[in-house]
Amino acid sequence: MKNYIKLTLLLGVLACSTPEIDEQNNEPNENPSSSEEVVMPTNSYGIVLNNGQRWVANPETTQSIDTMLLLIAPADDLIDTNGYSDLEERLQNEYSRIFKRCTMKGEAHNQLHSYLMPLKKKIVELGDGSLEKRKGALQDLKVHLELYADYFE
């Protein structure tokens, strides 16, 4: 009886892990027919699209991201750490607005949080360290802010 249970479990595991076979050429099928789409994140933050489409964000969130992009546009000309500290403060205020005005729910809300958590860290980095370190943080922040449009509308 124990052997029968073990054999049944083993066959179940094998059935789940065996690739689907294309019957015409007897090779593993690269695109098995399934109603469930497997989506892998294309970024290091774990953000995924909504079945290939961008998530719908509330307009206030998009407005705040656009404002942040406008705030950092002239920042390449900053010449001292005080300018970066001022920029950090203004970005922090805009970041706080996102949370105050957020009305999103469900998976779109979860995906937005996956985007926003690293954004907070990148904003804070503008106010800490040498001028060169802050310049690097600014470039990272730009890249992250531009990523928003890839995943949210």
Protein backbone atom coordinates (compact mmCIF):
# COMPACT_ATOMS: atom_id res chain seq x y z
CA MET A 1 0.00 0.00 0.00
CA LYS A 2 2.84 2.41 0.86
CA ASN A 3 4.50 1.68 -2.48
CA TYR A 4 1.23 2.40 -4.29
CA ILE A 5 0.96 5.82 -2.60
CA LYS A 6 4.59 6.64 -3.38
CA LEU A 7 4.14 5.58 -7.01
CA THR A 8 0.98 7.68 -7.34
CA LEU A 9 2.75 10.75 -5.89
CA LEU A 10 5.75 10.22 -8.15
CA LEU A 11 3.57 9.94 -11.26
CA GLY A 12 1.70 13.09 -10.23
CA VAL A 13 4.95 15.04 -9.87
CA LEU A 14 6.25 13.75 -13.19
CA ALA A 15 3.01 14.62 -14.96
CA CYS A 16 3.21 18.18 -13.66
CA SER A 17 6.83 18.66 -14.63
CA THR A 18 6.84 16.96 -18.05
CA PRO A 19 6.75 19.45 -20.95
CA GLU A 20 3.85 19.30 -23.36
CA ILE A 21 4.86 17.39 -26.50
CA ASP A 22 4.12 18.65 -30.01
CA GLU A 23 2.54 15.56 -31.60
CA GLN A 24 3.69 16.33 -35.17
CA ASN A 25 7.45 16.35 -34.51
CA ASN A 26 7.53 14.67 -31.09
CA GLU A 27 9.44 17.58 -29.48
CA PRO A 28 8.62 19.70 -26.44
CA ASN A 29 6.11 22.41 -27.27
CA GLU A 30 7.57 25.88 -26.60
CA ASN A 31 4.09 27.43 -26.39
CA PRO A 32 1.77 25.06 -24.56
CA SER A 33 -1.89 25.83 -24.96
CA SER A 34 -3.08 27.29 -21.71
CA SER A 35 -5.55 29.97 -20.73
CA GLU A 36 -3.14 31.23 -18.06
CA GLU A 37 -0.50 33.65 -19.27
CA VAL A 38 2.80 33.47 -17.42
CA VAL A 39 4.19 36.98 -17.04
CA MET A 40 7.75 37.51 -15.92
CA PRO A 41 8.85 40.91 -14.64
CA THR A 42 11.10 42.75 -17.07
CA ASN A 43 12.54 44.92 -14.32
CA SER A 44 14.23 44.36 -10.99
CA TYR A 45 11.26 45.73 -9.03
CA GLY A 46 8.85 42.89 -9.80
CA ILE A 47 6.43 45.12 -11.70
CA VAL A 48 4.45 43.30 -14.40
CA LEU A 49 1.97 44.44 -17.01
CA ASN A 50 -1.75 43.72 -16.82
CA ASN A 51 -2.01 40.95 -19.43
CA GLY A 52 0.31 42.89 -21.70
CA GLN A 53 -1.38 46.23 -21.04
CA ARG A 54 -0.37 49.10 -18.78
CA TRP A 55 -2.20 49.44 -15.46
CA VAL A 56 -4.71 52.25 -15.15
CA ALA A 57 -3.50 54.64 -12.45
CA ASN A 58 -5.57 57.37 -10.89
CA PRO A 59 -4.93 60.75 -12.58
CA GLU A 60 -3.50 62.30 -9.41
CA THR A 61 -0.71 59.71 -9.25
CA THR A 62 0.21 60.26 -12.88
CA GLN A 63 0.15 64.02 -12.30
CA SER A 64 2.57 63.68 -9.36
CA ILE A 65 4.97 61.53 -11.40
CA ASP A 66 4.82 64.11 -14.22
CA THR A 67 5.54 66.88 -11.70
CA MET A 68 8.56 64.97 -10.41
CA LEU A 69 9.86 64.63 -13.96
CA LEU A 70 9.50 68.39 -14.40
CA LEU A 71 11.28 69.04 -11.10
CA ILE A 72 14.31 66.96 -12.05
CA ALA A 73 14.57 68.19 -15.66
CA PRO A 74 16.79 71.21 -14.84
CA ALA A 75 18.64 69.36 -12.04
CA ASP A 76 21.60 68.44 -14.24
CA ASP A 77 22.74 72.04 -13.71
CA LEU A 78 22.89 71.76 -9.91
CA ILE A 79 26.35 72.69 -8.70
CA ASP A 80 26.25 71.98 -4.96
CA THR A 81 24.74 69.61 -2.41
CA ASN A 82 22.32 72.28 -1.16
CA GLY A 83 20.57 72.27 -4.54
CA TYR A 84 20.15 68.49 -4.34
CA SER A 85 18.81 68.76 -0.78
CA ASP A 86 16.22 71.33 -1.92
CA LEU A 87 15.25 69.08 -4.81
CA GLU A 88 14.91 66.11 -2.46
CA GLU A 89 12.52 68.07 -0.25
CA ARG A 90 10.33 69.10 -3.17
CA LEU A 91 10.25 65.54 -4.49
CA GLN A 92 9.40 64.19 -1.00
CA ASN A 93 6.40 66.54 -0.88
CA GLU A 94 5.18 65.30 -4.26
CA TYR A 95 5.77 61.69 -3.22
CA SER A 96 3.62 62.23 -0.11
CA ARG A 97 0.84 63.61 -2.31
CA ILE A 98 0.67 60.33 -4.19
CA PHE A 99 -0.24 58.46 -1.01
CA LYS A 100 -2.68 61.12 0.17
CA ARG A 101 -4.58 61.11 -3.11
CA CYS A 102 -4.35 57.46 -4.12
CA THR A 103 -7.68 55.81 -4.87
CA MET A 104 -6.34 52.71 -6.60
CA LYS A 105 -7.41 49.23 -5.52
CA GLY A 106 -6.57 45.63 -6.29
CA GLU A 107 -3.62 44.44 -8.34
CA ALA A 108 -3.09 47.86 -9.96
CA HIS A 109 -2.58 49.26 -6.46
CA ASN A 110 -0.13 46.45 -5.62
CA GLN A 111 1.85 47.07 -8.79
CA LEU A 112 1.96 50.80 -8.04
CA HIS A 113 3.41 50.07 -4.61
CA SER A 114 6.07 47.86 -6.22
CA TYR A 115 6.99 50.92 -8.27
CA LEU A 116 6.77 53.49 -5.45
CA MET A 117 8.83 51.77 -2.75
CA PRO A 118 12.14 51.99 -4.68
CA LEU A 119 11.21 55.54 -5.75
CA LYS A 120 11.23 56.68 -2.12
CA LYS A 121 14.76 55.34 -1.62
CA LYS A 122 15.99 57.04 -4.78
CA ILE A 123 14.55 60.39 -3.65
CA VAL A 124 16.23 60.10 -0.24
CA GLU A 125 19.59 59.37 -1.91
CA LEU A 126 19.51 62.87 -3.48
CA GLY A 127 19.93 64.41 -0.04
CA ASP A 128 22.83 62.30 1.17
CA GLY A 129 26.50 62.00 0.28
CA SER A 130 28.96 63.75 -1.97
CA LEU A 131 28.03 65.83 -4.98
CA GLU A 132 29.11 63.01 -7.31
CA LYS A 133 27.02 60.47 -5.41
CA ARG A 134 23.99 62.75 -5.64
CA LYS A 135 24.51 63.21 -9.39
CA GLY A 136 24.48 59.43 -9.78
CA ALA A 137 21.35 59.22 -7.64
CA LEU A 138 19.70 61.80 -9.89
CA GLN A 139 20.39 59.68 -12.98
CA ASP A 140 18.95 56.58 -11.26
CA LEU A 141 15.89 58.60 -10.25
CA LYS A 142 15.35 59.79 -13.84
CA VAL A 143 15.45 56.25 -15.15
CA HIS A 144 12.98 55.10 -12.49
CA LEU A 145 10.56 57.97 -13.08
CA GLU A 146 10.60 57.27 -16.82
CA LEU A 147 9.78 53.60 -16.11
CA TYR A 148 6.34 54.69 -14.83
CA ALA A 149 5.01 55.24 -18.36
CA ASP A 150 5.99 51.69 -19.32
CA TYR A 151 3.68 50.17 -16.71
CA PHE A 152 0.99 52.76 -15.90
CA GLU A 153 -1.32 55.04 -17.83
